[in-house]
Amino acid sequence: MSHNMNPTTYQRANTDWLADCAVGLGVHWTTQTVPRSGAGLPFATAVERFRLQEFLGAVEKSGVDYVIFTLTHALHFLPCPHAIVDEILPGRTTERDLLGELAQGLSAMGKKLIVYYNHSCNQGDDPSWEHAVGYHDQTKDRLATNLCEIVSWLGSRYGSLIQAYWFDSCYSLDSRGPCNSVSTDLRGFQFPWERFTLAAKAGYSERLVTYNPGVDQTFMYTNHQDYWAGELSTLHMPPTDQYLEKGLQWHGWTCLDDQRWVYSDNRQDPHLPLYTDKELMMFIAQCRLHQSPMSFNVVVFQDGTLAEASVQQLSRITAGCDTSA
C-alpha cells in the first residue's frame, strides 16, 4: 500500500465489535506514574512489581468492555521486550512482558485491548530518544522507518491480542492539523501515515487504528484509519451519529477523575470522580443510542492498582447500562 495511493482504496476494518461496546477503561501507566505515597521505583523495577492480578480484578469489577493501556507516553520506555527499540536505544525495554501478560489476561476475561502508543518526540520531553529514533535527522526517512518497524514488531508479536491502536501526538510529526507541536525542521517532509497504518496492522489485518488530532478535534491526517480517537476535555460533545462526517466510527475518551491523565505527583491526592452517576448515565445512554463507545481514564498507581472510587463508580454505571443498541 503506497502512501500516495488514492485514499478511497483504503478498506476500513470492521468496527462492529467496538460499536457493540458501552464503556472502556483507560489508564496512563508510564515512567512518570508514582505510588500512592513515597518515592517511586525505577521503571524496570516497577514493571517487575506491577500487580497484574489486582489490575485485572479491578477491570473485572468495573464491568467495562475493554481497556486502553498506555505503552509509552512522554518518555519512550516500554513495559515489554522489543528488539527494534533495543537496537535504536538500549535500556528502554524490560525483561518482563507486562504487555503480553495483560493482553492474555484480558483475552481470558473476554475483554478487548486497545494499545495507546506515543512516539515520544514531543518538544524535548525525551531528548535522547528524539535523537536516537531520527526525529532531528536532516531527512526524516529513518524516523518514519523506525516508527513503522516499532509498531510492526509489536503487531507481529502479539497478533490478535491487540485489537486496536490509539496513536497520540500526531501533531508533533505533522503540522497540517489544528494542533502543531512539531519541534524539528521537517524540511517539507510529509509523515507517511498510510504506510504507518499498514505497519500497525501487521500480524492482524483487522486491527483498528486511530490518529489523535488533539483535544475535541476531528481533523484527519489520513483516511487510512478506522475510528475516531475522540480525546475529550469534558462530556460536552455527545455523539449524534455512529459515524463522524468522514465515516469514522465514533469513540470518546475523557478523564473520569484526575484531569492530569498521569498520576505523577503524590503530594496531591488523586481526584474523586468528576461526574455524578446521573451525568455519566445520561451521557452513556446517548452514546448507546448511536452505538458509540465511551472510554474513561482512571487514576492508576505505580503498583498497578486503580483508584477505588473510580472503579466503584464504573461498576455502578456499567451495571445500569443498557448495552443493547
C-alpha atoms as a PDB file:
ATOM      1  CA  MET A   1       0.000   0.000   0.000  1.00  0.00           C
ATOM      2  CA  SER A   2       1.755   3.141  -1.185  1.00  0.00           C
ATOM      3  CA  HIS A   3       1.222   6.228   0.934  1.00  0.00           C
ATOM      4  CA  ASN A   4       0.473   8.038  -2.336  1.00  0.00           C
ATOM      5  CA  MET A   5      -2.346   5.648  -3.127  1.00  0.00           C
ATOM      6  CA  ASN A   6      -5.798   7.125  -3.637  1.00  0.00           C
ATOM      7  CA  PRO A   7      -7.348   7.230  -0.145  1.00  0.00           C
ATOM      8  CA  THR A   8     -10.617   5.849  -1.480  1.00  0.00           C
ATOM      9  CA  THR A   9      -8.876   2.499  -1.963  1.00  0.00           C
ATOM     10  CA  TYR A  10      -8.471   2.030   1.804  1.00  0.00           C
ATOM     11  CA  GLN A  11     -10.843  -0.576   3.171  1.00  0.00           C
ATOM     12  CA  ARG A  12     -11.626   0.279   6.770  1.00  0.00           C
ATOM     13  CA  ALA A  13     -11.561  -2.559   9.242  1.00  0.00           C
ATOM     14  CA  ASN A  14     -14.839  -3.747  10.706  1.00  0.00           C
ATOM     15  CA  THR A  15     -15.612  -1.700  13.834  1.00  0.00           C
ATOM     16  CA  ASP A  16     -18.707  -3.665  14.862  1.00  0.00           C
ATOM     17  CA  TRP A  17     -17.036  -5.060  17.992  1.00  0.00           C
ATOM     18  CA  LEU A  18     -16.141  -1.543  19.137  1.00  0.00           C
ATOM     19  CA  ALA A  19     -19.604  -0.217  18.340  1.00  0.00           C
ATOM     20  CA  ASP A  20     -21.062  -3.026  20.474  1.00  0.00           C
ATOM     21  CA  CYS A  21     -19.038  -1.864  23.494  1.00  0.00           C
ATOM     22  CA  ALA A  22     -20.583   0.527  26.001  1.00  0.00           C
ATOM     23  CA  VAL A  23     -17.750   1.598  28.275  1.00  0.00           C
ATOM     24  CA  GLY A  24     -13.963   1.253  28.265  1.00  0.00           C
ATOM     25  CA  LEU A  25     -11.357   1.906  30.953  1.00  0.00           C
ATOM     26  CA  GLY A  26      -8.150   3.744  30.070  1.00  0.00           C
ATOM     27  CA  VAL A  27      -5.011   4.141  32.147  1.00  0.00           C
ATOM     28  CA  HIS A  28      -1.865   6.197  31.759  1.00  0.00           C
ATOM     29  CA  TRP A  29       0.649   3.902  33.464  1.00  0.00           C
ATOM     30  CA  THR A  30       4.007   5.380  32.445  1.00  0.00           C
ATOM     31  CA  THR A  31       7.538   6.084  33.616  1.00  0.00           C
ATOM     32  CA  GLN A  32       6.097   9.150  35.357  1.00  0.00           C
ATOM     33  CA  THR A  33       3.416   7.288  37.321  1.00  0.00           C
ATOM     34  CA  VAL A  34       4.109   7.390  41.068  1.00  0.00           C
ATOM     35  CA  PRO A  35       2.996   5.283  44.054  1.00  0.00           C
ATOM     36  CA  ARG A  36       0.200   6.325  46.369  1.00  0.00           C
ATOM     37  CA  SER A  37       2.879   7.668  48.686  1.00  0.00           C
ATOM     38  CA  GLY A  38       6.639   7.803  48.944  1.00  0.00           C
ATOM     39  CA  ALA A  39       9.332   7.723  46.292  1.00  0.00           C
ATOM     40  CA  GLY A  40       8.814   5.964  43.002  1.00  0.00           C
ATOM     41  CA  LEU A  41      10.668   2.878  41.826  1.00  0.00           C
ATOM     42  CA  PRO A  42      12.855   2.751  38.713  1.00  0.00           C
ATOM     43  CA  PHE A  43      10.738   1.813  35.686  1.00  0.00           C
ATOM     44  CA  ALA A  44      12.101  -1.713  35.207  1.00  0.00           C
ATOM     45  CA  THR A  45      11.516  -2.466  38.901  1.00  0.00           C
ATOM     46  CA  ALA A  46       8.012  -1.021  38.721  1.00  0.00           C
ATOM     47  CA  VAL A  47       7.252  -3.274  35.754  1.00  0.00           C
ATOM     48  CA  GLU A  48       8.507  -6.309  37.680  1.00  0.00           C
ATOM     49  CA  ARG A  49       6.311  -5.444  40.658  1.00  0.00           C
ATOM     50  CA  PHE A  50       3.181  -4.433  38.729  1.00  0.00           C
ATOM     51  CA  ARG A  51       0.245  -6.204  40.423  1.00  0.00           C
ATOM     52  CA  LEU A  52      -1.376  -7.536  37.304  1.00  0.00           C
ATOM     53  CA  GLN A  53      -3.926  -9.736  39.034  1.00  0.00           C
ATOM     54  CA  GLU A  54      -5.160  -6.810  41.116  1.00  0.00           C
ATOM     55  CA  PHE A  55      -5.332  -4.665  37.996  1.00  0.00           C
ATOM     56  CA  LEU A  56      -7.334  -7.310  36.152  1.00  0.00           C
ATOM     57  CA  GLY A  57      -9.568  -7.751  39.180  1.00  0.00           C
ATOM     58  CA  ALA A  58     -10.366  -4.036  39.177  1.00  0.00           C
ATOM     59  CA  VAL A  59     -11.120  -4.184  35.451  1.00  0.00           C
ATOM     60  CA  GLU A  60     -13.485  -7.098  36.069  1.00  0.00           C
ATOM     61  CA  LYS A  61     -15.185  -5.264  38.928  1.00  0.00           C
ATOM     62  CA  SER A  62     -15.592  -2.122  36.822  1.00  0.00           C
ATOM     63  CA  GLY A  63     -17.670  -4.023  34.264  1.00  0.00           C
ATOM     64  CA  VAL A  64     -16.044  -2.327  31.280  1.00  0.00           C
ATOM     65  CA  ASP A  65     -15.807  -3.962  27.866  1.00  0.00           C
ATOM     66  CA  TYR A  66     -12.203  -3.096  27.010  1.00  0.00           C
ATOM     67  CA  VAL A  67      -9.018  -1.456  28.299  1.00  0.00           C
ATOM     68  CA  ILE A  68      -6.833   1.243  26.750  1.00  0.00           C
ATOM     69  CA  PHE A  69      -3.320   0.693  28.098  1.00  0.00           C
ATOM     70  CA  THR A  70      -0.589   3.282  27.634  1.00  0.00           C
ATOM     71  CA  LEU A  71       2.508   1.632  26.217  1.00  0.00           C
ATOM     72  CA  THR A  72       4.653   4.784  26.042  1.00  0.00           C
ATOM     73  CA  HIS A  73       3.964   8.421  26.784  1.00  0.00           C
ATOM     74  CA  ALA A  74       6.310  11.361  27.456  1.00  0.00           C
ATOM     75  CA  LEU A  75       9.340   9.075  27.751  1.00  0.00           C
ATOM     76  CA  HIS A  76       9.815   6.190  25.352  1.00  0.00           C
ATOM     77  CA  PHE A  77      10.108   3.236  27.741  1.00  0.00           C
ATOM     78  CA  LEU A  78       8.171   0.030  27.044  1.00  0.00           C
ATOM     79  CA  PRO A  79       6.953  -2.461  29.693  1.00  0.00           C
ATOM     80  CA  CYS A  80       7.874  -5.399  27.485  1.00  0.00           C
ATOM     81  CA  PRO A  81      10.735  -6.762  25.378  1.00  0.00           C
ATOM     82  CA  HIS A  82      11.202  -5.090  21.993  1.00  0.00           C
ATOM     83  CA  ALA A  83      14.065  -5.963  19.649  1.00  0.00           C
ATOM     84  CA  ILE A  84      13.697  -2.880  17.428  1.00  0.00           C
ATOM     85  CA  VAL A  85      13.656  -0.427  20.334  1.00  0.00           C
ATOM     86  CA  ASP A  86      16.722  -2.164  21.799  1.00  0.00           C
ATOM     87  CA  GLU A  87      18.559  -1.515  18.541  1.00  0.00           C
ATOM     88  CA  ILE A  88      17.532   2.140  18.417  1.00  0.00           C
ATOM     89  CA  LEU A  89      18.300   2.967  22.063  1.00  0.00           C
ATOM     90  CA  PRO A  90      19.287   0.216  24.537  1.00  0.00           C
ATOM     91  CA  GLY A  91      17.846   0.301  28.037  1.00  0.00           C
ATOM     92  CA  ARG A  92      14.303   1.286  27.084  1.00  0.00           C
ATOM     93  CA  THR A  93      12.598  -2.113  27.379  1.00  0.00           C
ATOM     94  CA  THR A  94      12.057  -4.659  30.144  1.00  0.00           C
ATOM     95  CA  GLU A  95      12.509  -8.393  30.623  1.00  0.00           C
ATOM     96  CA  ARG A  96       9.002  -8.860  31.957  1.00  0.00           C
ATOM     97  CA  ASP A  97       6.464  -8.871  29.166  1.00  0.00           C
ATOM     98  CA  LEU A  98       3.811  -6.943  31.057  1.00  0.00           C
ATOM     99  CA  LEU A  99       2.027  -6.023  27.848  1.00  0.00           C
ATOM    100  CA  GLY A 100       1.793  -9.681  26.821  1.00  0.00           C
ATOM    101  CA  GLU A 101       0.609 -10.789  30.255  1.00  0.00           C
ATOM    102  CA  LEU A 102      -2.011  -8.038  30.293  1.00  0.00           C
ATOM    103  CA  ALA A 103      -3.190  -8.938  26.794  1.00  0.00           C
ATOM    104  CA  GLN A 104      -3.504 -12.616  27.704  1.00  0.00           C
ATOM    105  CA  GLY A 105      -5.300 -11.787  30.936  1.00  0.00           C
ATOM    106  CA  LEU A 106      -7.834  -9.538  29.249  1.00  0.00           C
ATOM    107  CA  SER A 107      -8.398 -12.073  26.492  1.00  0.00           C
ATOM    108  CA  ALA A 108      -9.129 -14.769  29.082  1.00  0.00           C
ATOM    109  CA  MET A 109     -11.730 -12.418  30.596  1.00  0.00           C
ATOM    110  CA  GLY A 110     -13.319 -11.786  27.214  1.00  0.00           C
ATOM    111  CA  LYS A 111     -12.247  -8.155  27.153  1.00  0.00           C
ATOM    112  CA  LYS A 112     -10.540  -6.267  24.346  1.00  0.00           C
ATOM    113  CA  LEU A 113      -7.197  -4.443  24.471  1.00  0.00           C
ATOM    114  CA  ILE A 114      -6.511  -1.111  22.791  1.00  0.00           C
ATOM    115  CA  VAL A 115      -2.835  -0.146  22.942  1.00  0.00           C
ATOM    116  CA  TYR A 116      -2.009   3.543  23.258  1.00  0.00           C
ATOM    117  CA  TYR A 117       1.314   4.404  21.605  1.00  0.00           C
ATOM    118  CA  ASN A 118       3.206   7.705  21.633  1.00  0.00           C
ATOM    119  CA  HIS A 119       6.348   8.140  19.544  1.00  0.00           C
ATOM    120  CA  SER A 120       7.657  10.380  22.380  1.00  0.00           C
ATOM    121  CA  CYS A 121       9.136  13.066  20.103  1.00  0.00           C
ATOM    122  CA  ASN A 122       7.385  15.928  21.840  1.00  0.00           C
ATOM    123  CA  GLN A 123       9.234  19.191  22.345  1.00  0.00           C
ATOM    124  CA  GLY A 124      12.198  17.735  24.191  1.00  0.00           C
ATOM    125  CA  ASP A 125      10.383  15.543  26.709  1.00  0.00           C
ATOM    126  CA  ASP A 126      12.821  12.747  25.838  1.00  0.00           C
ATOM    127  CA  PRO A 127      15.857  14.254  24.033  1.00  0.00           C
ATOM    128  CA  SER A 128      17.884  11.035  23.950  1.00  0.00           C
ATOM    129  CA  TRP A 129      15.065   9.188  22.253  1.00  0.00           C
ATOM    130  CA  GLU A 130      14.330  12.028  19.821  1.00  0.00           C
ATOM    131  CA  HIS A 131      17.894  11.917  18.514  1.00  0.00           C
ATOM    132  CA  ALA A 132      18.190   8.122  18.569  1.00  0.00           C
ATOM    133  CA  VAL A 133      14.974   7.499  16.640  1.00  0.00           C
ATOM    134  CA  GLY A 134      15.799  10.085  13.957  1.00  0.00           C
ATOM    135  CA  TYR A 135      13.450  12.950  14.795  1.00  0.00           C
ATOM    136  CA  HIS A 136      16.184  15.522  14.307  1.00  0.00           C
ATOM    137  CA  ASP A 137      17.854  13.951  11.247  1.00  0.00           C
ATOM    138  CA  GLN A 138      18.076  16.288   8.250  1.00  0.00           C
ATOM    139  CA  THR A 139      15.921  13.836   6.325  1.00  0.00           C
ATOM    140  CA  LYS A 140      13.175  12.019   8.228  1.00  0.00           C
ATOM    141  CA  ASP A 141      13.193   8.724   6.356  1.00  0.00           C
ATOM    142  CA  ARG A 142      14.962   6.918   9.213  1.00  0.00           C
ATOM    143  CA  LEU A 143      12.395   8.293  11.677  1.00  0.00           C
ATOM    144  CA  ALA A 144       9.493   7.022   9.595  1.00  0.00           C
ATOM    145  CA  THR A 145      11.117   3.626   9.100  1.00  0.00           C
ATOM    146  CA  ASN A 146      11.920   3.248  12.795  1.00  0.00           C
ATOM    147  CA  LEU A 147       8.398   4.118  13.920  1.00  0.00           C
ATOM    148  CA  CYS A 148       6.850   1.797  11.336  1.00  0.00           C
ATOM    149  CA  GLU A 149       9.138  -1.034  12.419  1.00  0.00           C
ATOM    150  CA  ILE A 150       8.355  -0.455  16.101  1.00  0.00           C
ATOM    151  CA  VAL A 151       4.598  -0.901  15.647  1.00  0.00           C
ATOM    152  CA  SER A 152       5.013  -3.662  13.077  1.00  0.00           C
ATOM    153  CA  TRP A 153       7.169  -5.657  15.512  1.00  0.00           C
ATOM    154  CA  LEU A 154       4.527  -5.283  18.234  1.00  0.00           C
ATOM    155  CA  GLY A 155       1.715  -6.330  15.919  1.00  0.00           C
ATOM    156  CA  SER A 156       3.587  -9.364  14.696  1.00  0.00           C
ATOM    157  CA  ARG A 157       4.459 -10.428  18.259  1.00  0.00           C
ATOM    158  CA  TYR A 158       1.012 -10.054  19.819  1.00  0.00           C
ATOM    159  CA  GLY A 159      -1.257 -10.654  16.823  1.00  0.00           C
ATOM    160  CA  SER A 160      -4.958 -10.593  17.559  1.00  0.00           C
ATOM    161  CA  LEU A 161      -4.343  -9.896  21.262  1.00  0.00           C
ATOM    162  CA  ILE A 162      -4.028  -6.225  20.260  1.00  0.00           C
ATOM    163  CA  GLN A 163      -7.433  -5.387  18.805  1.00  0.00           C
ATOM    164  CA  ALA A 164      -6.720  -1.699  18.218  1.00  0.00           C
ATOM    165  CA  TYR A 165      -4.144   1.079  18.427  1.00  0.00           C
ATOM    166  CA  TRP A 166      -4.671   4.619  19.685  1.00  0.00           C
ATOM    167  CA  PHE A 167      -1.835   6.764  18.290  1.00  0.00           C
ATOM    168  CA  ASP A 168      -1.082  10.054  20.027  1.00  0.00           C
ATOM    169  CA  SER A 169       0.974  13.177  19.347  1.00  0.00           C
ATOM    170  CA  CYS A 170       0.423  13.075  15.599  1.00  0.00           C
ATOM    171  CA  TYR A 171       0.747  16.860  15.716  1.00  0.00           C
ATOM    172  CA  SER A 172       4.458  16.507  16.574  1.00  0.00           C
ATOM    173  CA  LEU A 173       5.002  14.657  13.281  1.00  0.00           C
ATOM    174  CA  ASP A 174       2.663  16.623  11.020  1.00  0.00           C
ATOM    175  CA  SER A 175       1.962  20.368  11.149  1.00  0.00           C
ATOM    176  CA  ARG A 176      -1.184  20.315   8.998  1.00  0.00           C
ATOM    177  CA  GLY A 177      -3.782  19.878  11.731  1.00  0.00           C
ATOM    178  CA  PRO A 178      -5.390  22.264  14.221  1.00  0.00           C
ATOM    179  CA  CYS A 179      -2.675  21.477  16.755  1.00  0.00           C
ATOM    180  CA  ASN A 180       1.007  21.846  15.874  1.00  0.00           C
ATOM    181  CA  SER A 181       3.777  20.843  18.276  1.00  0.00           C
ATOM    182  CA  VAL A 182       6.424  19.939  15.677  1.00  0.00           C
ATOM    183  CA  SER A 183       9.800  20.746  17.250  1.00  0.00           C
ATOM    184  CA  THR A 184      12.132  19.767  14.426  1.00  0.00           C
ATOM    185  CA  ASP A 185      12.722  21.117  10.930  1.00  0.00           C
ATOM    186  CA  LEU A 186      10.566  18.894   8.747  1.00  0.00           C
ATOM    187  CA  ARG A 187      12.142  20.353   5.574  1.00  0.00           C
ATOM    188  CA  GLY A 188       8.953  19.633   3.670  1.00  0.00           C
ATOM    189  CA  PHE A 189       8.736  16.032   4.911  1.00  0.00           C
ATOM    190  CA  GLN A 190       5.246  14.520   4.992  1.00  0.00           C
ATOM    191  CA  PHE A 191       4.905  11.717   7.519  1.00  0.00           C
ATOM    192  CA  PRO A 192       3.689   8.556   5.710  1.00  0.00           C
ATOM    193  CA  TRP A 193       0.521   7.873   7.691  1.00  0.00           C
ATOM    194  CA  GLU A 194      -0.759   5.324   5.179  1.00  0.00           C
ATOM    195  CA  ARG A 195       2.473   3.325   5.405  1.00  0.00           C
ATOM    196  CA  PHE A 196       2.278   3.583   9.199  1.00  0.00           C
ATOM    197  CA  THR A 197      -1.299   2.258   9.193  1.00  0.00           C
ATOM    198  CA  LEU A 198      -0.178  -0.748   7.153  1.00  0.00           C
ATOM    199  CA  ALA A 199       2.674  -1.368   9.622  1.00  0.00           C
ATOM    200  CA  ALA A 200       0.280  -1.091  12.565  1.00  0.00           C
ATOM    201  CA  LYS A 201      -1.885  -3.862  11.115  1.00  0.00           C
ATOM    202  CA  ALA A 202       0.995  -6.341  10.884  1.00  0.00           C
ATOM    203  CA  GLY A 203       0.017  -9.680  12.396  1.00  0.00           C
ATOM    204  CA  TYR A 204      -3.690  -8.872  12.416  1.00  0.00           C
ATOM    205  CA  SER A 205      -5.225  -7.052   9.459  1.00  0.00           C
ATOM    206  CA  GLU A 206      -8.491  -6.361  11.301  1.00  0.00           C
ATOM    207  CA  ARG A 207      -6.719  -4.322  13.994  1.00  0.00           C
ATOM    208  CA  LEU A 208      -8.280  -0.870  14.338  1.00  0.00           C
ATOM    209  CA  VAL A 209      -6.180   2.287  14.033  1.00  0.00           C
ATOM    210  CA  THR A 210      -6.843   5.885  15.024  1.00  0.00           C
ATOM    211  CA  TYR A 211      -4.735   9.061  14.992  1.00  0.00           C
ATOM    212  CA  ASN A 212      -5.335  11.710  17.650  1.00  0.00           C
ATOM    213  CA  PRO A 213      -5.511  15.236  16.164  1.00  0.00           C
ATOM    214  CA  GLY A 214      -5.884  16.920  19.571  1.00  0.00           C
ATOM    215  CA  VAL A 215      -8.491  17.597  22.252  1.00  0.00           C
ATOM    216  CA  ASP A 216     -12.026  17.919  20.843  1.00  0.00           C
ATOM    217  CA  GLN A 217     -10.714  17.818  17.254  1.00  0.00           C
ATOM    218  CA  THR A 218     -11.985  15.793  14.301  1.00  0.00           C
ATOM    219  CA  PHE A 219      -9.239  16.635  11.792  1.00  0.00           C
ATOM    220  CA  MET A 220      -7.957  13.619   9.847  1.00  0.00           C
ATOM    221  CA  TYR A 221      -4.276  13.259   8.908  1.00  0.00           C
ATOM    222  CA  THR A 222      -5.284  10.394   6.658  1.00  0.00           C
ATOM    223  CA  ASN A 223      -8.335   8.480   5.577  1.00  0.00           C
ATOM    224  CA  HIS A 224      -6.411   5.302   6.441  1.00  0.00           C
ATOM    225  CA  GLN A 225      -7.829   4.903   9.934  1.00  0.00           C
ATOM    226  CA  ASP A 226     -10.853   3.161  11.350  1.00  0.00           C
ATOM    227  CA  TYR A 227     -12.313   5.030  14.336  1.00  0.00           C
ATOM    228  CA  TRP A 228     -12.197   8.448  15.986  1.00  0.00           C
ATOM    229  CA  ALA A 229      -9.580   8.994  18.708  1.00  0.00           C
ATOM    230  CA  GLY A 230     -12.087  11.246  20.474  1.00  0.00           C
ATOM    231  CA  GLU A 231      -9.928  12.844  23.178  1.00  0.00           C
ATOM    232  CA  LEU A 232     -12.488  14.960  25.018  1.00  0.00           C
ATOM    233  CA  SER A 233     -11.945  17.598  27.696  1.00  0.00           C
ATOM    234  CA  THR A 234     -15.394  17.019  29.234  1.00  0.00           C
ATOM    235  CA  LEU A 235     -18.725  15.403  28.395  1.00  0.00           C
ATOM    236  CA  HIS A 236     -19.760  18.341  26.215  1.00  0.00           C
ATOM    237  CA  MET A 237     -19.598  16.550  22.834  1.00  0.00           C
ATOM    238  CA  PRO A 238     -22.005  13.599  22.869  1.00  0.00           C
ATOM    239  CA  PRO A 239     -22.355  11.648  19.629  1.00  0.00           C
ATOM    240  CA  THR A 240     -25.190  12.465  17.242  1.00  0.00           C
ATOM    241  CA  ASP A 241     -24.471   9.526  14.937  1.00  0.00           C
ATOM    242  CA  GLN A 242     -22.443   6.320  14.979  1.00  0.00           C
ATOM    243  CA  TYR A 243     -20.038   7.842  12.475  1.00  0.00           C
ATOM    244  CA  LEU A 244     -18.377  11.210  12.012  1.00  0.00           C
ATOM    245  CA  GLU A 245     -18.956  13.066   8.739  1.00  0.00           C
ATOM    246  CA  LYS A 246     -15.937  11.404   7.154  1.00  0.00           C
ATOM    247  CA  GLY A 247     -17.067   7.932   8.096  1.00  0.00           C
ATOM    248  CA  LEU A 248     -15.027   7.198  11.235  1.00  0.00           C
ATOM    249  CA  GLN A 249     -16.663   5.130  13.968  1.00  0.00           C
ATOM    250  CA  TRP A 250     -17.378   7.457  16.926  1.00  0.00           C
ATOM    251  CA  HIS A 251     -15.389   6.809  20.111  1.00  0.00           C
ATOM    252  CA  GLY A 252     -14.690   9.122  23.017  1.00  0.00           C
ATOM    253  CA  TRP A 253     -12.050   9.207  25.760  1.00  0.00           C
ATOM    254  CA  THR A 254     -12.014  11.574  28.720  1.00  0.00           C
ATOM    255  CA  CYS A 255     -10.815  11.666  32.309  1.00  0.00           C
ATOM    256  CA  LEU A 256     -13.124  10.159  34.896  1.00  0.00           C
ATOM    257  CA  ASP A 257     -11.226  11.563  37.861  1.00  0.00           C
ATOM    258  CA  ASP A 258      -7.801  13.254  37.591  1.00  0.00           C
ATOM    259  CA  GLN A 259      -7.594  15.628  34.630  1.00  0.00           C
ATOM    260  CA  ARG A 260      -3.794  15.392  34.641  1.00  0.00           C
ATOM    261  CA  TRP A 261      -4.214  11.974  32.911  1.00  0.00           C
ATOM    262  CA  VAL A 262      -0.997  10.703  34.593  1.00  0.00           C
ATOM    263  CA  TYR A 263      -0.790  10.390  38.391  1.00  0.00           C
ATOM    264  CA  SER A 264       2.685  11.909  38.567  1.00  0.00           C
ATOM    265  CA  ASP A 265       2.677  13.757  41.902  1.00  0.00           C
ATOM    266  CA  ASN A 266       1.518  12.040  45.082  1.00  0.00           C
ATOM    267  CA  ARG A 267       1.700  15.275  47.062  1.00  0.00           C
ATOM    268  CA  GLN A 268      -1.729  15.794  45.506  1.00  0.00           C
ATOM    269  CA  ASP A 269      -4.464  13.338  46.349  1.00  0.00           C
ATOM    270  CA  PRO A 270      -5.959  11.550  43.365  1.00  0.00           C
ATOM    271  CA  HIS A 271      -9.155  13.326  42.439  1.00  0.00           C
ATOM    272  CA  LEU A 272     -12.531  11.824  43.140  1.00  0.00           C
ATOM    273  CA  PRO A 273     -14.771  11.167  40.121  1.00  0.00           C
ATOM    274  CA  LEU A 274     -15.581  14.389  38.276  1.00  0.00           C
ATOM    275  CA  TYR A 275     -19.165  13.496  37.407  1.00  0.00           C
ATOM    276  CA  THR A 276     -22.238  12.235  39.181  1.00  0.00           C
ATOM    277  CA  ASP A 277     -23.580   8.816  38.315  1.00  0.00           C
ATOM    278  CA  LYS A 278     -26.599  10.502  36.726  1.00  0.00           C
ATOM    279  CA  GLU A 279     -24.445  12.672  34.451  1.00  0.00           C
ATOM    280  CA  LEU A 280     -22.494   9.653  33.268  1.00  0.00           C
ATOM    281  CA  MET A 281     -25.577   7.523  32.776  1.00  0.00           C
ATOM    282  CA  MET A 282     -27.240  10.206  30.660  1.00  0.00           C
ATOM    283  CA  PHE A 283     -24.134  10.644  28.510  1.00  0.00           C
ATOM    284  CA  ILE A 284     -23.627   6.914  28.023  1.00  0.00           C
ATOM    285  CA  ALA A 285     -27.297   6.485  27.160  1.00  0.00           C
ATOM    286  CA  GLN A 286     -26.780   8.979  24.330  1.00  0.00           C
ATOM    287  CA  CYS A 287     -23.673   7.036  23.271  1.00  0.00           C
ATOM    288  CA  ARG A 288     -25.526   3.720  23.224  1.00  0.00           C
ATOM    289  CA  LEU A 289     -28.301   5.270  21.155  1.00  0.00           C
ATOM    290  CA  HIS A 290     -25.704   5.796  18.430  1.00  0.00           C
ATOM    291  CA  GLN A 291     -23.566   2.669  19.010  1.00  0.00           C
ATOM    292  CA  SER A 292     -20.730   4.876  20.204  1.00  0.00           C
ATOM    293  CA  PRO A 293     -18.323   3.531  22.891  1.00  0.00           C
ATOM    294  CA  MET A 294     -17.024   5.826  25.622  1.00  0.00           C
ATOM    295  CA  SER A 295     -13.681   5.372  27.391  1.00  0.00           C
ATOM    296  CA  PHE A 296     -12.823   6.808  30.787  1.00  0.00           C
ATOM    297  CA  ASN A 297      -9.284   7.407  32.002  1.00  0.00           C
ATOM    298  CA  VAL A 298      -8.840   6.290  35.624  1.00  0.00           C
ATOM    299  CA  VAL A 299      -6.036   7.016  38.084  1.00  0.00           C
ATOM    300  CA  VAL A 300      -3.596   4.120  38.230  1.00  0.00           C
ATOM    301  CA  PHE A 301      -0.785   3.967  40.773  1.00  0.00           C
ATOM    302  CA  GLN A 302       2.732   2.677  40.186  1.00  0.00           C
ATOM    303  CA  ASP A 303       1.941  -0.728  41.684  1.00  0.00           C
ATOM    304  CA  GLY A 304      -0.829  -1.211  39.117  1.00  0.00           C
ATOM    305  CA  THR A 305      -3.745  -0.657  41.484  1.00  0.00           C
ATOM    306  CA  LEU A 306      -6.565   1.686  40.466  1.00  0.00           C
ATOM    307  CA  ALA A 307      -8.386   4.473  42.307  1.00  0.00           C
ATOM    308  CA  GLU A 308     -11.119   2.629  44.163  1.00  0.00           C
ATOM    309  CA  ALA A 309     -13.790   5.348  43.977  1.00  0.00           C
ATOM    310  CA  SER A 310     -13.500   5.431  40.194  1.00  0.00           C
ATOM    311  CA  VAL A 311     -13.692   1.640  39.853  1.00  0.00           C
ATOM    312  CA  GLN A 312     -16.771   1.619  42.084  1.00  0.00           C
ATOM    313  CA  GLN A 313     -18.425   4.340  40.018  1.00  0.00           C
ATOM    314  CA  LEU A 314     -17.722   2.499  36.769  1.00  0.00           C
ATOM    315  CA  SER A 315     -19.161  -0.640  38.338  1.00  0.00           C
ATOM    316  CA  ARG A 316     -22.391   1.189  39.137  1.00  0.00           C
ATOM    317  CA  ILE A 317     -22.540   2.807  35.701  1.00  0.00           C
ATOM    318  CA  THR A 318     -21.924  -0.345  33.690  1.00  0.00           C
ATOM    319  CA  ALA A 319     -24.399  -2.296  35.793  1.00  0.00           C
ATOM    320  CA  GLY A 320     -27.031   0.259  34.821  1.00  0.00           C
ATOM    321  CA  CYS A 321     -26.102   0.476  31.159  1.00  0.00           C
ATOM    322  CA  ASP A 322     -28.466  -0.745  28.514  1.00  0.00           C
ATOM    323  CA  THR A 323     -25.851  -2.134  26.160  1.00  0.00           C
ATOM    324  CA  SER A 324     -28.377  -3.060  23.509  1.00  0.00           C
ATOM    325  CA  ALA A 325     -28.137  -0.612  20.646  1.00  0.00           C
END
